[in-house]
Amino acid sequence: MARPILAVRPLGFPWETPDPFLFCVHHRDAYPAGNEHMGPAASLAGRNLGQDFELKDGWRMYHGDTVPGFPQHPHRGFETVTIARQGYIDHSDSLGAAARFGPGDVQWLTAGEGVVHSEMFPLIHRDAPNTVELFQIWLNLPGEDKLAPPHFSMLWNSDVPRAPFVDGAGRTTEVTMVAGTLDGKRPPSPPSRSWASRPDTDVAIWCIRMEPRATWTLPRAAHPAAVRQLYFFEGDTFRVADDVVDRHAAIRLDAGADVSLAAGEMPCEMLLLQGRPIAEPVVQYGPFVMNTRAEIERAIQDYQRTQFGGWPWPKNDPVHARDAGRFARHVDGRIDKPTR
């Protein structure tokens, strides 16, 4: 039987991704208690504010000056999928949409022809730590959809399906499905112009958690042209078929094979990204991802001329009220809140 591992690479920052994905980053910051502005109740001395990516004291301010996070910035030509694991994320955008989402929630944003948004990490607890952990994944759009109308959507924790698999020893593997069907469970539909919305692209975004010494067989992809990457980011060791992986790594798998997985002596967590490649040229300039250099130049010109609709918020780094709770306010003014 052929070895199912095609390549193993160490995890970097960001994580390497295969087509149709462009980018994946795992943020985990152990923020302290929050102050009156929902920033860290701690000294910011010695930090390169506005460009603070050094993990000092276990956390970073990123591009934030008062509240950590990413003040307003533009995107064109792709989608962002943000999976919250711990803490809260405050979203505001040039469409007028806004949200606060937290553990287990997913935001899916089609940038399309252009959107400006901010992603701030409000430290809402004043008497306890405010750890923030999330994945942000960039999913490419094919050329015909790169100028699609922007679209903002929320998948609340209670709407994201989870499938438990119990092995013969009673140990559980749980798979959370942000995109892609497994065991008859299907997550809410992606935005209509997403590559993931097409029936023949076999896009899957799965979070996999295995109890110590649990075993589970990852089923083969449905589409013969799909590519599959497994990111092992939590745990000591785990086994892929006959190979032991003893370091956190990005593992390219043969998507056409069922693959047996086994956790080590600690719980293991993995992120799986899968999909049929778009197989088009990719030209990227910062937050713009197009097919040609001329399209990048047009994106820059359009942003300079229109600001992709302008910024309707009074600050570049808006955060919502401390007691706002989880919510989404859509472009049409509709307010959406989780059921739990």
C-alpha atoms as a PDB file:
ATOM      1  CA  MET A   1       0.000   0.000   0.000  1.00  0.00           C
ATOM      2  CA  ALA A   2       1.332   3.444  -0.924  1.00  0.00           C
ATOM      3  CA  ARG A   3       2.425   5.732   1.893  1.00  0.00           C
ATOM      4  CA  PRO A   4      -0.379   8.319   2.419  1.00  0.00           C
ATOM      5  CA  ILE A   5       1.982  11.095   3.530  1.00  0.00           C
ATOM      6  CA  LEU A   6       3.223  13.072   0.543  1.00  0.00           C
ATOM      7  CA  ALA A   7       5.161  15.776   2.431  1.00  0.00           C
ATOM      8  CA  VAL A   8       5.773  17.054   5.964  1.00  0.00           C
ATOM      9  CA  ARG A   9       6.766  20.642   6.712  1.00  0.00           C
ATOM     10  CA  PRO A  10       7.201  22.488  10.012  1.00  0.00           C
ATOM     11  CA  LEU A  11       4.482  24.933  10.984  1.00  0.00           C
ATOM     12  CA  GLY A  12       5.504  28.519  10.332  1.00  0.00           C
ATOM     13  CA  PHE A  13       3.706  31.836  10.675  1.00  0.00           C
ATOM     14  CA  PRO A  14       1.557  31.815   8.629  1.00  0.00           C
ATOM     15  CA  TRP A  15       0.980  28.172   7.717  1.00  0.00           C
ATOM     16  CA  GLU A  16       1.685  27.081   4.153  1.00  0.00           C
ATOM     17  CA  THR A  17      -1.482  26.253   2.212  1.00  0.00           C
ATOM     18  CA  PRO A  18      -2.245  24.505  -1.086  1.00  0.00           C
ATOM     19  CA  ASP A  19      -4.508  25.819  -3.862  1.00  0.00           C
ATOM     20  CA  PRO A  20      -7.442  26.698  -3.490  1.00  0.00           C
ATOM     21  CA  PHE A  21      -6.315  28.145  -0.132  1.00  0.00           C
ATOM     22  CA  LEU A  22      -4.003  31.137   0.044  1.00  0.00           C
ATOM     23  CA  PHE A  23      -3.131  31.596   3.691  1.00  0.00           C
ATOM     24  CA  CYS A  24      -3.810  30.202   7.147  1.00  0.00           C
ATOM     25  CA  VAL A  25      -2.726  31.646  10.460  1.00  0.00           C
ATOM     26  CA  HIS A  26      -3.244  30.356  13.980  1.00  0.00           C
ATOM     27  CA  HIS A  27      -3.387  33.197  16.513  1.00  0.00           C
ATOM     28  CA  ARG A  28      -3.162  32.338  20.207  1.00  0.00           C
ATOM     29  CA  ASP A  29      -2.549  35.178  22.668  1.00  0.00           C
ATOM     30  CA  ALA A  30      -2.802  34.934  26.454  1.00  0.00           C
ATOM     31  CA  TYR A  31      -4.059  38.470  27.051  1.00  0.00           C
ATOM     32  CA  PRO A  32      -4.354  39.731  30.628  1.00  0.00           C
ATOM     33  CA  ALA A  33      -7.423  41.355  32.184  1.00  0.00           C
ATOM     34  CA  GLY A  34      -8.872  44.234  30.192  1.00  0.00           C
ATOM     35  CA  ASN A  35      -8.816  47.925  31.083  1.00  0.00           C
ATOM     36  CA  GLU A  36     -11.606  50.500  30.704  1.00  0.00           C
ATOM     37  CA  HIS A  37     -10.990  50.653  26.918  1.00  0.00           C
ATOM     38  CA  MET A  38     -10.987  46.834  26.522  1.00  0.00           C
ATOM     39  CA  GLY A  39      -7.263  46.898  25.899  1.00  0.00           C
ATOM     40  CA  PRO A  40      -4.687  45.096  28.078  1.00  0.00           C
ATOM     41  CA  ALA A  41      -4.513  46.235  31.710  1.00  0.00           C
ATOM     42  CA  ALA A  42      -0.744  46.109  31.378  1.00  0.00           C
ATOM     43  CA  SER A  43       2.085  48.333  30.248  1.00  0.00           C
ATOM     44  CA  LEU A  44       2.575  48.603  26.485  1.00  0.00           C
ATOM     45  CA  ALA A  45       6.098  49.963  26.913  1.00  0.00           C
ATOM     46  CA  GLY A  46       8.674  48.312  24.699  1.00  0.00           C
ATOM     47  CA  ARG A  47       6.152  47.220  22.070  1.00  0.00           C
ATOM     48  CA  ASN A  48       6.308  48.334  18.456  1.00  0.00           C
ATOM     49  CA  LEU A  49       2.724  49.577  18.471  1.00  0.00           C
ATOM     50  CA  GLY A  50       1.081  49.364  15.094  1.00  0.00           C
ATOM     51  CA  GLN A  51       3.403  46.497  14.116  1.00  0.00           C
ATOM     52  CA  ASP A  52       3.594  44.389  17.277  1.00  0.00           C
ATOM     53  CA  PHE A  53       3.973  40.765  16.148  1.00  0.00           C
ATOM     54  CA  GLU A  54       6.492  39.717  18.821  1.00  0.00           C
ATOM     55  CA  LEU A  55       5.062  37.284  21.378  1.00  0.00           C
ATOM     56  CA  LYS A  56       6.069  39.386  24.389  1.00  0.00           C
ATOM     57  CA  ASP A  57       4.616  38.200  27.734  1.00  0.00           C
ATOM     58  CA  GLY A  58       2.551  35.689  25.768  1.00  0.00           C
ATOM     59  CA  TRP A  59       0.579  38.162  23.631  1.00  0.00           C
ATOM     60  CA  ARG A  60       0.767  40.627  20.762  1.00  0.00           C
ATOM     61  CA  MET A  61      -1.002  43.877  19.892  1.00  0.00           C
ATOM     62  CA  TYR A  62      -0.690  43.226  16.129  1.00  0.00           C
ATOM     63  CA  HIS A  63      -1.700  46.489  14.385  1.00  0.00           C
ATOM     64  CA  GLY A  64      -3.705  47.754  17.361  1.00  0.00           C
ATOM     65  CA  ASP A  65      -2.649  50.720  19.502  1.00  0.00           C
ATOM     66  CA  THR A  66      -5.211  50.472  22.332  1.00  0.00           C
ATOM     67  CA  VAL A  67      -7.125  47.249  21.668  1.00  0.00           C
ATOM     68  CA  PRO A  68      -5.221  44.359  20.077  1.00  0.00           C
ATOM     69  CA  GLY A  69      -6.189  43.311  16.581  1.00  0.00           C
ATOM     70  CA  PHE A  70      -6.349  44.607  13.040  1.00  0.00           C
ATOM     71  CA  PRO A  71      -7.852  48.080  12.426  1.00  0.00           C
ATOM     72  CA  GLN A  72      -9.487  48.863   9.080  1.00  0.00           C
ATOM     73  CA  HIS A  73      -7.783  47.315   6.056  1.00  0.00           C
ATOM     74  CA  PRO A  74      -8.974  46.385   2.535  1.00  0.00           C
ATOM     75  CA  HIS A  75      -9.342  43.066   0.698  1.00  0.00           C
ATOM     76  CA  ARG A  76     -10.203  42.113  -2.867  1.00  0.00           C
ATOM     77  CA  GLY A  77     -10.361  38.850  -4.818  1.00  0.00           C
ATOM     78  CA  PHE A  78     -10.746  36.165  -2.142  1.00  0.00           C
ATOM     79  CA  GLU A  79     -12.589  35.145   1.045  1.00  0.00           C
ATOM     80  CA  THR A  80     -11.684  35.090   4.714  1.00  0.00           C
ATOM     81  CA  VAL A  81     -12.939  32.330   7.007  1.00  0.00           C
ATOM     82  CA  THR A  82     -12.329  33.123  10.692  1.00  0.00           C
ATOM     83  CA  ILE A  83     -12.836  30.365  13.261  1.00  0.00           C
ATOM     84  CA  ALA A  84     -12.992  31.602  16.859  1.00  0.00           C
ATOM     85  CA  ARG A  85     -11.732  29.137  19.479  1.00  0.00           C
ATOM     86  CA  GLN A  86     -11.263  31.340  22.562  1.00  0.00           C
ATOM     87  CA  GLY A  87     -12.050  34.972  23.304  1.00  0.00           C
ATOM     88  CA  TYR A  88     -13.987  37.436  21.171  1.00  0.00           C
ATOM     89  CA  ILE A  89     -13.583  39.176  17.823  1.00  0.00           C
ATOM     90  CA  ASP A  90     -15.283  42.472  16.959  1.00  0.00           C
ATOM     91  CA  HIS A  91     -15.938  42.911  13.241  1.00  0.00           C
ATOM     92  CA  SER A  92     -16.891  46.153  11.453  1.00  0.00           C
ATOM     93  CA  ASP A  93     -16.830  46.729   7.696  1.00  0.00           C
ATOM     94  CA  SER A  94     -17.383  49.197   4.884  1.00  0.00           C
ATOM     95  CA  LEU A  95     -20.694  47.533   4.011  1.00  0.00           C
ATOM     96  CA  GLY A  96     -22.054  48.682   7.366  1.00  0.00           C
ATOM     97  CA  ALA A  97     -22.082  45.175   8.820  1.00  0.00           C
ATOM     98  CA  ALA A  98     -20.832  44.519  12.343  1.00  0.00           C
ATOM     99  CA  ALA A  99     -20.506  41.557  14.685  1.00  0.00           C
ATOM    100  CA  ARG A 100     -19.067  40.196  17.874  1.00  0.00           C
ATOM    101  CA  PHE A 101     -18.392  36.476  17.753  1.00  0.00           C
ATOM    102  CA  GLY A 102     -16.743  34.060  20.121  1.00  0.00           C
ATOM    103  CA  PRO A 103     -15.816  30.443  20.855  1.00  0.00           C
ATOM    104  CA  GLY A 104     -17.085  28.042  18.216  1.00  0.00           C
ATOM    105  CA  ASP A 105     -18.450  30.781  15.935  1.00  0.00           C
ATOM    106  CA  VAL A 106     -17.261  31.253  12.347  1.00  0.00           C
ATOM    107  CA  GLN A 107     -17.295  34.374  10.198  1.00  0.00           C
ATOM    108  CA  TRP A 108     -17.224  33.910   6.419  1.00  0.00           C
ATOM    109  CA  LEU A 109     -16.525  37.066   4.418  1.00  0.00           C
ATOM    110  CA  THR A 110     -16.461  37.223   0.624  1.00  0.00           C
ATOM    111  CA  ALA A 111     -14.290  40.248  -0.185  1.00  0.00           C
ATOM    112  CA  GLY A 112     -15.018  39.945  -3.900  1.00  0.00           C
ATOM    113  CA  GLU A 113     -14.743  43.318  -5.664  1.00  0.00           C
ATOM    114  CA  GLY A 114     -13.633  44.985  -2.460  1.00  0.00           C
ATOM    115  CA  VAL A 115     -14.384  45.426   1.222  1.00  0.00           C
ATOM    116  CA  VAL A 116     -12.681  47.205   4.116  1.00  0.00           C
ATOM    117  CA  HIS A 117     -13.020  45.645   7.551  1.00  0.00           C
ATOM    118  CA  SER A 118     -11.539  45.663  11.024  1.00  0.00           C
ATOM    119  CA  GLU A 119     -10.968  42.699  13.323  1.00  0.00           C
ATOM    120  CA  MET A 120     -10.359  43.743  16.909  1.00  0.00           C
ATOM    121  CA  PHE A 121      -9.943  41.552  20.004  1.00  0.00           C
ATOM    122  CA  PRO A 122     -11.859  43.244  22.854  1.00  0.00           C
ATOM    123  CA  LEU A 123     -10.636  42.175  26.295  1.00  0.00           C
ATOM    124  CA  ILE A 124     -14.045  42.245  27.889  1.00  0.00           C
ATOM    125  CA  HIS A 125     -13.125  40.612  31.224  1.00  0.00           C
ATOM    126  CA  ARG A 126     -11.738  43.131  33.703  1.00  0.00           C
ATOM    127  CA  ASP A 127     -11.092  40.619  36.490  1.00  0.00           C
ATOM    128  CA  ALA A 128      -9.833  37.595  34.535  1.00  0.00           C
ATOM    129  CA  PRO A 129      -7.504  36.738  31.643  1.00  0.00           C
ATOM    130  CA  ASN A 130      -8.762  37.210  28.063  1.00  0.00           C
ATOM    131  CA  THR A 131      -7.060  34.530  25.978  1.00  0.00           C
ATOM    132  CA  VAL A 132      -7.859  34.882  22.263  1.00  0.00           C
ATOM    133  CA  GLU A 133      -7.362  31.965  19.888  1.00  0.00           C
ATOM    134  CA  LEU A 134      -8.517  31.742  16.288  1.00  0.00           C
ATOM    135  CA  PHE A 135      -7.783  30.470  12.811  1.00  0.00           C
ATOM    136  CA  GLN A 136      -8.005  32.794   9.852  1.00  0.00           C
ATOM    137  CA  ILE A 137      -8.065  31.073   6.486  1.00  0.00           C
ATOM    138  CA  TRP A 138      -7.946  32.779   3.093  1.00  0.00           C
ATOM    139  CA  LEU A 139      -9.834  30.884   0.380  1.00  0.00           C
ATOM    140  CA  ASN A 140      -9.193  32.010  -3.173  1.00  0.00           C
ATOM    141  CA  LEU A 141     -11.896  32.954  -5.670  1.00  0.00           C
ATOM    142  CA  PRO A 142     -11.702  31.951  -9.340  1.00  0.00           C
ATOM    143  CA  GLY A 143     -11.211  34.749 -11.848  1.00  0.00           C
ATOM    144  CA  GLU A 144     -14.875  34.900 -12.805  1.00  0.00           C
ATOM    145  CA  ASP A 145     -15.856  35.573  -9.168  1.00  0.00           C
ATOM    146  CA  LYS A 146     -13.053  37.855  -8.018  1.00  0.00           C
ATOM    147  CA  LEU A 147     -15.240  40.925  -8.578  1.00  0.00           C
ATOM    148  CA  ALA A 148     -18.390  39.399  -7.060  1.00  0.00           C
ATOM    149  CA  PRO A 149     -20.372  41.638  -4.697  1.00  0.00           C
ATOM    150  CA  PRO A 150     -18.956  41.476  -1.143  1.00  0.00           C
ATOM    151  CA  HIS A 151     -20.895  39.318   1.288  1.00  0.00           C
ATOM    152  CA  PHE A 152     -20.769  38.944   5.093  1.00  0.00           C
ATOM    153  CA  SER A 153     -22.140  35.906   6.926  1.00  0.00           C
ATOM    154  CA  MET A 154     -21.969  34.349  10.388  1.00  0.00           C
ATOM    155  CA  LEU A 155     -22.083  30.678  11.368  1.00  0.00           C
ATOM    156  CA  TRP A 156     -22.911  30.511  15.054  1.00  0.00           C
ATOM    157  CA  ASN A 157     -21.468  27.761  17.241  1.00  0.00           C
ATOM    158  CA  SER A 158     -24.833  25.998  17.499  1.00  0.00           C
ATOM    159  CA  ASP A 159     -25.133  25.885  13.684  1.00  0.00           C
ATOM    160  CA  VAL A 160     -21.718  24.302  13.079  1.00  0.00           C
ATOM    161  CA  PRO A 161     -22.113  20.494  13.013  1.00  0.00           C
ATOM    162  CA  ARG A 162     -19.902  18.137  14.975  1.00  0.00           C
ATOM    163  CA  ALA A 163     -19.505  14.418  14.416  1.00  0.00           C
ATOM    164  CA  PRO A 164     -18.202  12.173  17.218  1.00  0.00           C
ATOM    165  CA  PHE A 165     -16.516   8.900  16.272  1.00  0.00           C
ATOM    166  CA  VAL A 166     -15.890   6.353  19.038  1.00  0.00           C
ATOM    167  CA  ASP A 167     -13.270   3.673  18.436  1.00  0.00           C
ATOM    168  CA  GLY A 168     -13.290   0.116  19.730  1.00  0.00           C
ATOM    169  CA  ALA A 169     -11.640   1.162  22.995  1.00  0.00           C
ATOM    170  CA  GLY A 170     -14.288   3.821  23.670  1.00  0.00           C
ATOM    171  CA  ARG A 171     -12.033   6.776  22.799  1.00  0.00           C
ATOM    172  CA  THR A 172     -13.554   9.666  20.884  1.00  0.00           C
ATOM    173  CA  THR A 173     -12.508  11.688  17.866  1.00  0.00           C
ATOM    174  CA  GLU A 174     -14.693  14.739  17.241  1.00  0.00           C
ATOM    175  CA  VAL A 175     -14.759  16.493  13.871  1.00  0.00           C
ATOM    176  CA  THR A 176     -16.182  20.010  13.566  1.00  0.00           C
ATOM    177  CA  MET A 177     -17.265  20.870  10.016  1.00  0.00           C
ATOM    178  CA  VAL A 178     -17.001  24.492   8.884  1.00  0.00           C
ATOM    179  CA  ALA A 179     -17.230  23.383   5.244  1.00  0.00           C
ATOM    180  CA  GLY A 180     -17.650  19.954   3.701  1.00  0.00           C
ATOM    181  CA  THR A 181     -19.939  17.038   4.521  1.00  0.00           C
ATOM    182  CA  LEU A 182     -18.960  14.177   6.823  1.00  0.00           C
ATOM    183  CA  ASP A 183     -20.987  11.318   8.272  1.00  0.00           C
ATOM    184  CA  GLY A 184     -24.164  12.752   6.747  1.00  0.00           C
ATOM    185  CA  LYS A 185     -23.720  16.097   8.501  1.00  0.00           C
ATOM    186  CA  ARG A 186     -23.517  19.290   6.456  1.00  0.00           C
ATOM    187  CA  PRO A 187     -22.649  22.794   7.721  1.00  0.00           C
ATOM    188  CA  PRO A 188     -24.609  25.867   6.622  1.00  0.00           C
ATOM    189  CA  SER A 189     -24.078  26.765   2.973  1.00  0.00           C
ATOM    190  CA  PRO A 190     -21.073  28.971   2.147  1.00  0.00           C
ATOM    191  CA  PRO A 191     -21.666  32.316   0.389  1.00  0.00           C
ATOM    192  CA  SER A 192     -23.108  31.765  -3.074  1.00  0.00           C
ATOM    193  CA  ARG A 193     -20.017  32.921  -5.009  1.00  0.00           C
ATOM    194  CA  SER A 194     -17.563  30.951  -2.880  1.00  0.00           C
ATOM    195  CA  TRP A 195     -15.437  28.221  -4.472  1.00  0.00           C
ATOM    196  CA  ALA A 196     -16.765  26.089  -1.592  1.00  0.00           C
ATOM    197  CA  SER A 197     -20.352  26.564  -2.806  1.00  0.00           C
ATOM    198  CA  ARG A 198     -19.716  24.645  -6.039  1.00  0.00           C
ATOM    199  CA  PRO A 199     -20.765  20.982  -5.902  1.00  0.00           C
ATOM    200  CA  ASP A 200     -17.601  19.668  -7.590  1.00  0.00           C
ATOM    201  CA  THR A 201     -14.860  21.441  -5.587  1.00  0.00           C
ATOM    202  CA  ASP A 202     -14.926  19.178  -2.500  1.00  0.00           C
ATOM    203  CA  VAL A 203     -13.844  21.987  -0.171  1.00  0.00           C
ATOM    204  CA  ALA A 204     -13.550  20.869   3.442  1.00  0.00           C
ATOM    205  CA  ILE A 205     -12.500  22.824   6.524  1.00  0.00           C
ATOM    206  CA  TRP A 206     -12.544  20.455   9.497  1.00  0.00           C
ATOM    207  CA  CYS A 207     -11.287  20.839  13.054  1.00  0.00           C
ATOM    208  CA  ILE A 208     -10.324  17.426  14.456  1.00  0.00           C
ATOM    209  CA  ARG A 209      -9.852  16.649  18.144  1.00  0.00           C
ATOM    210  CA  MET A 210      -8.741  13.212  19.322  1.00  0.00           C
ATOM    211  CA  GLU A 211      -8.702  11.924  22.879  1.00  0.00           C
ATOM    212  CA  PRO A 212      -5.440  10.344  24.072  1.00  0.00           C
ATOM    213  CA  ARG A 213      -4.756   7.093  22.149  1.00  0.00           C
ATOM    214  CA  ALA A 214      -7.952   7.494  20.113  1.00  0.00           C
ATOM    215  CA  THR A 215      -7.983   6.024  16.606  1.00  0.00           C
ATOM    216  CA  TRP A 216     -10.001   7.134  13.590  1.00  0.00           C
ATOM    217  CA  THR A 217      -9.935   6.654   9.835  1.00  0.00           C
ATOM    218  CA  LEU A 218     -10.035   9.844   7.806  1.00  0.00           C
ATOM    219  CA  PRO A 219     -12.137   9.007   4.735  1.00  0.00           C
ATOM    220  CA  ARG A 220     -10.811   9.725   1.279  1.00  0.00           C
ATOM    221  CA  ALA A 221     -11.879  12.891  -0.533  1.00  0.00           C
ATOM    222  CA  ALA A 222     -14.866  12.696  -2.839  1.00  0.00           C
ATOM    223  CA  HIS A 223     -13.208  14.428  -5.807  1.00  0.00           C
ATOM    224  CA  PRO A 224     -10.210  12.704  -7.427  1.00  0.00           C
ATOM    225  CA  ALA A 225      -8.429  16.031  -8.034  1.00  0.00           C
ATOM    226  CA  ALA A 226      -8.774  17.316  -4.447  1.00  0.00           C
ATOM    227  CA  VAL A 227      -5.678  18.208  -2.433  1.00  0.00           C
ATOM    228  CA  ARG A 228      -5.541  17.732   1.305  1.00  0.00           C
ATOM    229  CA  GLN A 229      -3.378  19.223   4.049  1.00  0.00           C
ATOM    230  CA  LEU A 230      -3.530  18.269   7.718  1.00  0.00           C
ATOM    231  CA  TYR A 231      -2.105  20.692  10.306  1.00  0.00           C
ATOM    232  CA  PHE A 232      -1.053  19.015  13.560  1.00  0.00           C
ATOM    233  CA  PHE A 233      -0.852  21.862  16.079  1.00  0.00           C
ATOM    234  CA  GLU A 234      -1.768  20.474  19.512  1.00  0.00           C
ATOM    235  CA  GLY A 235      -0.472  17.346  21.264  1.00  0.00           C
ATOM    236  CA  ASP A 236       2.804  15.462  21.618  1.00  0.00           C
ATOM    237  CA  THR A 237       2.735  12.844  18.867  1.00  0.00           C
ATOM    238  CA  PHE A 238       0.273  11.157  16.591  1.00  0.00           C
ATOM    239  CA  ARG A 239       0.403   8.453  13.968  1.00  0.00           C
ATOM    240  CA  VAL A 240      -0.577   8.686  10.319  1.00  0.00           C
ATOM    241  CA  ALA A 241      -0.884   5.121   9.017  1.00  0.00           C
ATOM    242  CA  ASP A 242       2.553   3.674   9.844  1.00  0.00           C
ATOM    243  CA  ASP A 243       4.336   7.005  10.329  1.00  0.00           C
ATOM    244  CA  VAL A 244       4.763   8.706  13.699  1.00  0.00           C
ATOM    245  CA  VAL A 245       4.662  12.521  13.608  1.00  0.00           C
ATOM    246  CA  ASP A 246       6.519  13.825  16.654  1.00  0.00           C
ATOM    247  CA  ARG A 247       6.428  17.560  15.982  1.00  0.00           C
ATOM    248  CA  HIS A 248       3.788  20.078  15.025  1.00  0.00           C
ATOM    249  CA  ALA A 249       3.671  20.071  11.258  1.00  0.00           C
ATOM    250  CA  ALA A 250       1.767  20.606   8.006  1.00  0.00           C
ATOM    251  CA  ILE A 251       1.219  17.190   6.449  1.00  0.00           C
ATOM    252  CA  ARG A 252       0.263  16.820   2.785  1.00  0.00           C
ATOM    253  CA  LEU A 253      -1.850  13.675   2.424  1.00  0.00           C
ATOM    254  CA  ASP A 254      -2.930  11.558  -0.488  1.00  0.00           C
ATOM    255  CA  ALA A 255      -6.535  12.751  -0.753  1.00  0.00           C
ATOM    256  CA  GLY A 256      -7.528   9.618  -2.649  1.00  0.00           C
ATOM    257  CA  ALA A 257      -6.845   7.252   0.248  1.00  0.00           C
ATOM    258  CA  ASP A 258      -8.529   6.439   3.538  1.00  0.00           C
ATOM    259  CA  VAL A 259      -5.943   7.273   6.208  1.00  0.00           C
ATOM    260  CA  SER A 260      -5.797   5.834   9.713  1.00  0.00           C
ATOM    261  CA  LEU A 261      -4.949   8.342  12.455  1.00  0.00           C
ATOM    262  CA  ALA A 262      -4.011   7.621  16.067  1.00  0.00           C
ATOM    263  CA  ALA A 263      -3.389  10.081  18.891  1.00  0.00           C
ATOM    264  CA  GLY A 264      -0.445   9.811  21.233  1.00  0.00           C
ATOM    265  CA  GLU A 265      -0.525  10.017  25.029  1.00  0.00           C
ATOM    266  CA  MET A 266      -2.014  13.512  24.979  1.00  0.00           C
ATOM    267  CA  PRO A 267      -5.106  14.913  23.249  1.00  0.00           C
ATOM    268  CA  CYS A 268      -4.356  15.836  19.653  1.00  0.00           C
ATOM    269  CA  GLU A 269      -5.852  18.620  17.569  1.00  0.00           C
ATOM    270  CA  MET A 270      -5.596  19.113  13.831  1.00  0.00           C
ATOM    271  CA  LEU A 271      -7.026  21.398  11.168  1.00  0.00           C
ATOM    272  CA  LEU A 272      -7.796  19.881   7.774  1.00  0.00           C
ATOM    273  CA  LEU A 273      -7.976  21.968   4.593  1.00  0.00           C
ATOM    274  CA  GLN A 274      -9.082  20.254   1.414  1.00  0.00           C
ATOM    275  CA  GLY A 275     -10.335  21.230  -2.015  1.00  0.00           C
ATOM    276  CA  ARG A 276     -10.022  20.927  -5.753  1.00  0.00           C
ATOM    277  CA  PRO A 277      -7.440  23.465  -6.941  1.00  0.00           C
ATOM    278  CA  ILE A 278      -8.657  26.497  -8.859  1.00  0.00           C
ATOM    279  CA  ALA A 279      -5.507  26.148 -10.983  1.00  0.00           C
ATOM    280  CA  GLU A 280      -5.338  29.770 -12.118  1.00  0.00           C
ATOM    281  CA  PRO A 281      -2.447  32.255 -11.859  1.00  0.00           C
ATOM    282  CA  VAL A 282      -2.207  33.953  -8.464  1.00  0.00           C
ATOM    283  CA  VAL A 283      -0.795  37.473  -8.227  1.00  0.00           C
ATOM    284  CA  GLN A 284      -0.872  38.907  -4.714  1.00  0.00           C
ATOM    285  CA  TYR A 285      -0.080  42.361  -3.460  1.00  0.00           C
ATOM    286  CA  GLY A 286      -0.752  42.479   0.271  1.00  0.00           C
ATOM    287  CA  PRO A 287      -4.525  42.296   0.782  1.00  0.00           C
ATOM    288  CA  PHE A 288      -5.334  42.019  -2.939  1.00  0.00           C
ATOM    289  CA  VAL A 289      -5.264  38.651  -4.730  1.00  0.00           C
ATOM    290  CA  MET A 290      -5.945  38.622  -8.469  1.00  0.00           C
ATOM    291  CA  ASN A 291      -4.896  36.698 -11.593  1.00  0.00           C
ATOM    292  CA  THR A 292      -2.723  39.325 -13.294  1.00  0.00           C
ATOM    293  CA  ARG A 293      -0.486  42.253 -12.418  1.00  0.00           C
ATOM    294  CA  ALA A 294      -2.816  44.572 -14.346  1.00  0.00           C
ATOM    295  CA  GLU A 295      -5.716  43.466 -12.118  1.00  0.00           C
ATOM    296  CA  ILE A 296      -3.628  44.232  -9.031  1.00  0.00           C
ATOM    297  CA  GLU A 297      -2.882  47.713 -10.349  1.00  0.00           C
ATOM    298  CA  ARG A 298      -6.597  48.212 -10.993  1.00  0.00           C
ATOM    299  CA  ALA A 299      -7.390  47.053  -7.433  1.00  0.00           C
ATOM    300  CA  ILE A 300      -4.977  49.630  -6.006  1.00  0.00           C
ATOM    301  CA  GLN A 301      -6.447  52.379  -8.178  1.00  0.00           C
ATOM    302  CA  ASP A 302     -10.024  51.418  -7.285  1.00  0.00           C
ATOM    303  CA  TYR A 303      -9.225  51.410  -3.583  1.00  0.00           C
ATOM    304  CA  GLN A 304      -7.499  54.779  -3.767  1.00  0.00           C
ATOM    305  CA  ARG A 305     -10.461  56.230  -5.668  1.00  0.00           C
ATOM    306  CA  THR A 306     -13.426  54.680  -3.832  1.00  0.00           C
ATOM    307  CA  GLN A 307     -12.086  53.262  -0.547  1.00  0.00           C
ATOM    308  CA  PHE A 308     -14.368  50.333  -1.453  1.00  0.00           C
ATOM    309  CA  GLY A 309     -17.400  52.275  -0.294  1.00  0.00           C
ATOM    310  CA  GLY A 310     -15.758  54.303   2.456  1.00  0.00           C
ATOM    311  CA  TRP A 311     -15.459  53.732   6.180  1.00  0.00           C
ATOM    312  CA  PRO A 312     -18.719  54.438   8.059  1.00  0.00           C
ATOM    313  CA  TRP A 313     -17.254  54.067  11.567  1.00  0.00           C
ATOM    314  CA  PRO A 314     -15.904  56.926  13.735  1.00  0.00           C
ATOM    315  CA  LYS A 315     -12.640  55.080  14.465  1.00  0.00           C
ATOM    316  CA  ASN A 316     -10.285  52.869  12.498  1.00  0.00           C
ATOM    317  CA  ASP A 317     -10.360  50.288  15.307  1.00  0.00           C
ATOM    318  CA  PRO A 318     -13.977  50.191  16.530  1.00  0.00           C
ATOM    319  CA  VAL A 319     -15.049  47.838  19.286  1.00  0.00           C
ATOM    320  CA  HIS A 320     -18.574  47.216  20.468  1.00  0.00           C
ATOM    321  CA  ALA A 321     -19.930  47.782  23.982  1.00  0.00           C
ATOM    322  CA  ARG A 322     -18.438  45.567  26.655  1.00  0.00           C
ATOM    323  CA  ASP A 323     -21.857  44.040  27.371  1.00  0.00           C
ATOM    324  CA  ALA A 324     -22.940  43.744  23.706  1.00  0.00           C
ATOM    325  CA  GLY A 325     -22.819  39.957  23.717  1.00  0.00           C
ATOM    326  CA  ARG A 326     -22.495  37.939  20.525  1.00  0.00           C
ATOM    327  CA  PHE A 327     -24.424  39.406  17.614  1.00  0.00           C
ATOM    328  CA  ALA A 328     -24.305  40.155  13.911  1.00  0.00           C
ATOM    329  CA  ARG A 329     -25.801  43.217  12.252  1.00  0.00           C
ATOM    330  CA  HIS A 330     -26.120  42.547   8.539  1.00  0.00           C
ATOM    331  CA  VAL A 331     -25.976  45.017   5.672  1.00  0.00           C
ATOM    332  CA  ASP A 332     -29.775  45.163   5.468  1.00  0.00           C
ATOM    333  CA  GLY A 333     -29.987  46.106   9.157  1.00  0.00           C
ATOM    334  CA  ARG A 334     -31.137  42.669  10.289  1.00  0.00           C
ATOM    335  CA  ILE A 335     -29.832  41.686  13.742  1.00  0.00           C
ATOM    336  CA  ASP A 336     -28.863  38.053  14.182  1.00  0.00           C
ATOM    337  CA  LYS A 337     -27.949  36.497  17.541  1.00  0.00           C
ATOM    338  CA  PRO A 338     -26.976  32.961  18.466  1.00  0.00           C
ATOM    339  CA  THR A 339     -29.535  30.732  20.129  1.00  0.00           C
ATOM    340  CA  ARG A 340     -26.963  29.679  22.701  1.00  0.00           C
END
